[in-house]
C-alpha atoms as a PDB file:
ATOM      1  CA  UNK A   1     -12.748  -6.229 -79.955  1.00  0.00           C
ATOM      2  CA  UNK A   2     -13.818  -2.932 -81.529  1.00  0.00           C
ATOM      3  CA  UNK A   3     -15.570  -0.212 -79.572  1.00  0.00           C
ATOM      4  CA  UNK A   4     -16.668   3.166 -80.870  1.00  0.00           C
ATOM      5  CA  UNK A   5     -16.840   5.993 -78.348  1.00  0.00           C
ATOM      6  CA  UNK A   6     -17.845   9.561 -79.036  1.00  0.00           C
ATOM      7  CA  UNK A   7     -15.724  12.440 -77.802  1.00  0.00           C
ATOM      8  CA  UNK A   8     -18.189  14.740 -76.033  1.00  0.00           C
ATOM      9  CA  UNK A   9     -16.913  18.081 -77.334  1.00  0.00           C
ATOM     10  CA  UNK A  10     -16.409  17.290 -81.001  1.00  0.00           C
ATOM     11  CA  UNK A  11     -18.669  14.234 -81.423  1.00  0.00           C
ATOM     12  CA  UNK A  12     -16.012  12.407 -83.435  1.00  0.00           C
ATOM     13  CA  UNK A  13     -15.784   8.640 -83.225  1.00  0.00           C
ATOM     14  CA  UNK A  14     -12.737   7.093 -81.588  1.00  0.00           C
ATOM     15  CA  UNK A  15     -12.106   3.464 -82.374  1.00  0.00           C
ATOM     16  CA  UNK A  16     -10.646   1.299 -79.621  1.00  0.00           C
ATOM     17  CA  UNK A  17      -9.066  -2.063 -80.389  1.00  0.00           C
ATOM     18  CA  UNK A  18      -7.500  -4.689 -78.217  1.00  0.00           C
ATOM     19  CA  UNK A  19      -4.667  -6.812 -79.561  1.00  0.00           C
ATOM     20  CA  UNK A  20      -2.341  -9.427 -78.129  1.00  0.00           C
ATOM     21  CA  UNK A  21       1.128  -8.940 -79.618  1.00  0.00           C
ATOM     22  CA  UNK A  22       4.434  -9.156 -77.774  1.00  0.00           C
ATOM     23  CA  UNK A  23       6.170  -7.003 -80.410  1.00  0.00           C
ATOM     24  CA  UNK A  24       3.825  -3.995 -80.230  1.00  0.00           C
ATOM     25  CA  UNK A  25       4.023  -1.336 -77.506  1.00  0.00           C
ATOM     26  CA  UNK A  26       1.373  -1.233 -74.755  1.00  0.00           C
ATOM     27  CA  UNK A  27      -0.644   1.653 -76.245  1.00  0.00           C
ATOM     28  CA  UNK A  28      -0.761   2.974 -79.791  1.00  0.00           C
ATOM     29  CA  UNK A  29      -2.649   6.016 -81.056  1.00  0.00           C
ATOM     30  CA  UNK A  30      -3.045   5.893 -84.818  1.00  0.00           C
ATOM     31  CA  UNK A  31      -5.691   6.448 -87.475  1.00  0.00           C
ATOM     32  CA  UNK A  32      -8.307   4.107 -88.891  1.00  0.00           C
ATOM     33  CA  UNK A  33      -9.375   3.613 -92.505  1.00  0.00           C
ATOM     34  CA  UNK A  34     -11.473   6.805 -92.341  1.00  0.00           C
ATOM     35  CA  UNK A  35      -8.556   8.912 -91.013  1.00  0.00           C
ATOM     36  CA  UNK A  36     -10.188   9.072 -87.582  1.00  0.00           C
ATOM     37  CA  UNK A  37      -8.358   8.465 -84.294  1.00  0.00           C
ATOM     38  CA  UNK A  38      -7.874   4.861 -83.264  1.00  0.00           C
ATOM     39  CA  UNK A  39      -6.412   3.652 -79.987  1.00  0.00           C
ATOM     40  CA  UNK A  40      -4.929   0.188 -79.755  1.00  0.00           C
ATOM     41  CA  UNK A  41      -4.483  -1.412 -76.342  1.00  0.00           C
ATOM     42  CA  UNK A  42      -2.055  -4.306 -76.380  1.00  0.00           C
ATOM     43  CA  UNK A  43      -3.324  -6.868 -73.898  1.00  0.00           C
ATOM     44  CA  UNK A  44       0.090  -8.544 -73.919  1.00  0.00           C
ATOM     45  CA  UNK A  45       1.092  -5.642 -71.647  1.00  0.00           C
ATOM     46  CA  UNK A  46      -2.123  -5.614 -69.586  1.00  0.00           C
ATOM     47  CA  UNK A  47      -0.277  -5.924 -66.261  1.00  0.00           C
ATOM     48  CA  UNK A  48       1.928  -2.911 -67.113  1.00  0.00           C
ATOM     49  CA  UNK A  49      -1.086  -0.952 -68.404  1.00  0.00           C
ATOM     50  CA  UNK A  50      -3.021  -1.784 -65.233  1.00  0.00           C
ATOM     51  CA  UNK A  51      -0.112  -0.920 -62.956  1.00  0.00           C
ATOM     52  CA  UNK A  52       0.347   2.483 -64.619  1.00  0.00           C
ATOM     53  CA  UNK A  53      -3.346   3.211 -65.279  1.00  0.00           C
ATOM     54  CA  UNK A  54      -3.429   6.427 -63.245  1.00  0.00           C
ATOM     55  CA  UNK A  55      -0.285   7.801 -64.883  1.00  0.00           C
ATOM     56  CA  UNK A  56      -1.603   6.856 -68.317  1.00  0.00           C
ATOM     57  CA  UNK A  57      -4.925   8.553 -67.559  1.00  0.00           C
ATOM     58  CA  UNK A  58      -3.029  11.660 -66.407  1.00  0.00           C
ATOM     59  CA  UNK A  59      -1.383  11.979 -69.809  1.00  0.00           C
ATOM     60  CA  UNK A  60      -4.562  13.644 -71.035  1.00  0.00           C
ATOM     61  CA  UNK A  61      -3.746  16.644 -68.811  1.00  0.00           C
ATOM     62  CA  UNK A  62      -0.457  17.420 -70.628  1.00  0.00           C
ATOM     63  CA  UNK A  63      -1.224  15.997 -74.066  1.00  0.00           C
ATOM     64  CA  UNK A  64      -3.106  19.074 -75.390  1.00  0.00           C
ATOM     65  CA  UNK A  65      -0.132  21.280 -74.481  1.00  0.00           C
ATOM     66  CA  UNK A  66       2.248  18.978 -76.375  1.00  0.00           C
ATOM     67  CA  UNK A  67      -0.032  19.002 -79.417  1.00  0.00           C
ATOM     68  CA  UNK A  68      -0.135  22.823 -79.189  1.00  0.00           C
ATOM     69  CA  UNK A  69       3.693  22.882 -79.175  1.00  0.00           C
ATOM     70  CA  UNK A  70       3.791  20.742 -82.322  1.00  0.00           C
ATOM     71  CA  UNK A  71       1.181  22.927 -83.995  1.00  0.00           C
ATOM     72  CA  UNK A  72       2.944  26.162 -83.005  1.00  0.00           C
ATOM     73  CA  UNK A  73       6.238  24.869 -84.421  1.00  0.00           C
ATOM     74  CA  UNK A  74       4.562  23.778 -87.643  1.00  0.00           C
ATOM     75  CA  UNK A  75       2.714  27.060 -88.061  1.00  0.00           C
ATOM     76  CA  UNK A  76       5.912  28.999 -87.355  1.00  0.00           C
ATOM     77  CA  UNK A  77       7.673  27.063 -90.122  1.00  0.00           C
ATOM     78  CA  UNK A  78       4.777  27.646 -92.498  1.00  0.00           C
ATOM     79  CA  UNK A  79       4.779  31.359 -91.740  1.00  0.00           C
ATOM     80  CA  UNK A  80       8.563  31.594 -92.313  1.00  0.00           C
ATOM     81  CA  UNK A  81       8.133  29.764 -95.648  1.00  0.00           C
ATOM     82  CA  UNK A  82       5.311  32.101 -96.615  1.00  0.00           C
ATOM     83  CA  UNK A  83       7.454  35.164 -95.847  1.00  0.00           C
ATOM     84  CA  UNK A  84      10.349  33.737 -97.902  1.00  0.00           C
ATOM     85  CA  UNK A  85       7.988  33.156-100.836  1.00  0.00           C
ATOM     86  CA  UNK A  86       6.987  36.822-100.735  1.00  0.00           C
ATOM     87  CA  UNK A  87      10.611  38.024-100.939  1.00  0.00           C
END
C-alpha cells in the first residue's frame, strides 16, 4: 500500500509503504526513486509498533536535534577541510 502525504511546512511528499517481512526492522526511513523521504512500516511487527506507538510518535520531538548534531559535525569537518586547503 502506497500513500503520499504532504509535510505541511515544506510541502514535500513523503511516501509511506507497508510491507510484511520478518527480516526487516519494524520501521525504516529511506529514500524513494526521486530521492524523497520514504517510510516503510513492517506489518510483521505490527504488535510491537502498536504497543510502542506513543514512544515512536515522540521520536519526532528529539529527531530534529539529532539531525542538527549530524549536520553540525559534518559542517565542522567541512570547515576544517576548507581551512586546511587554504594553508
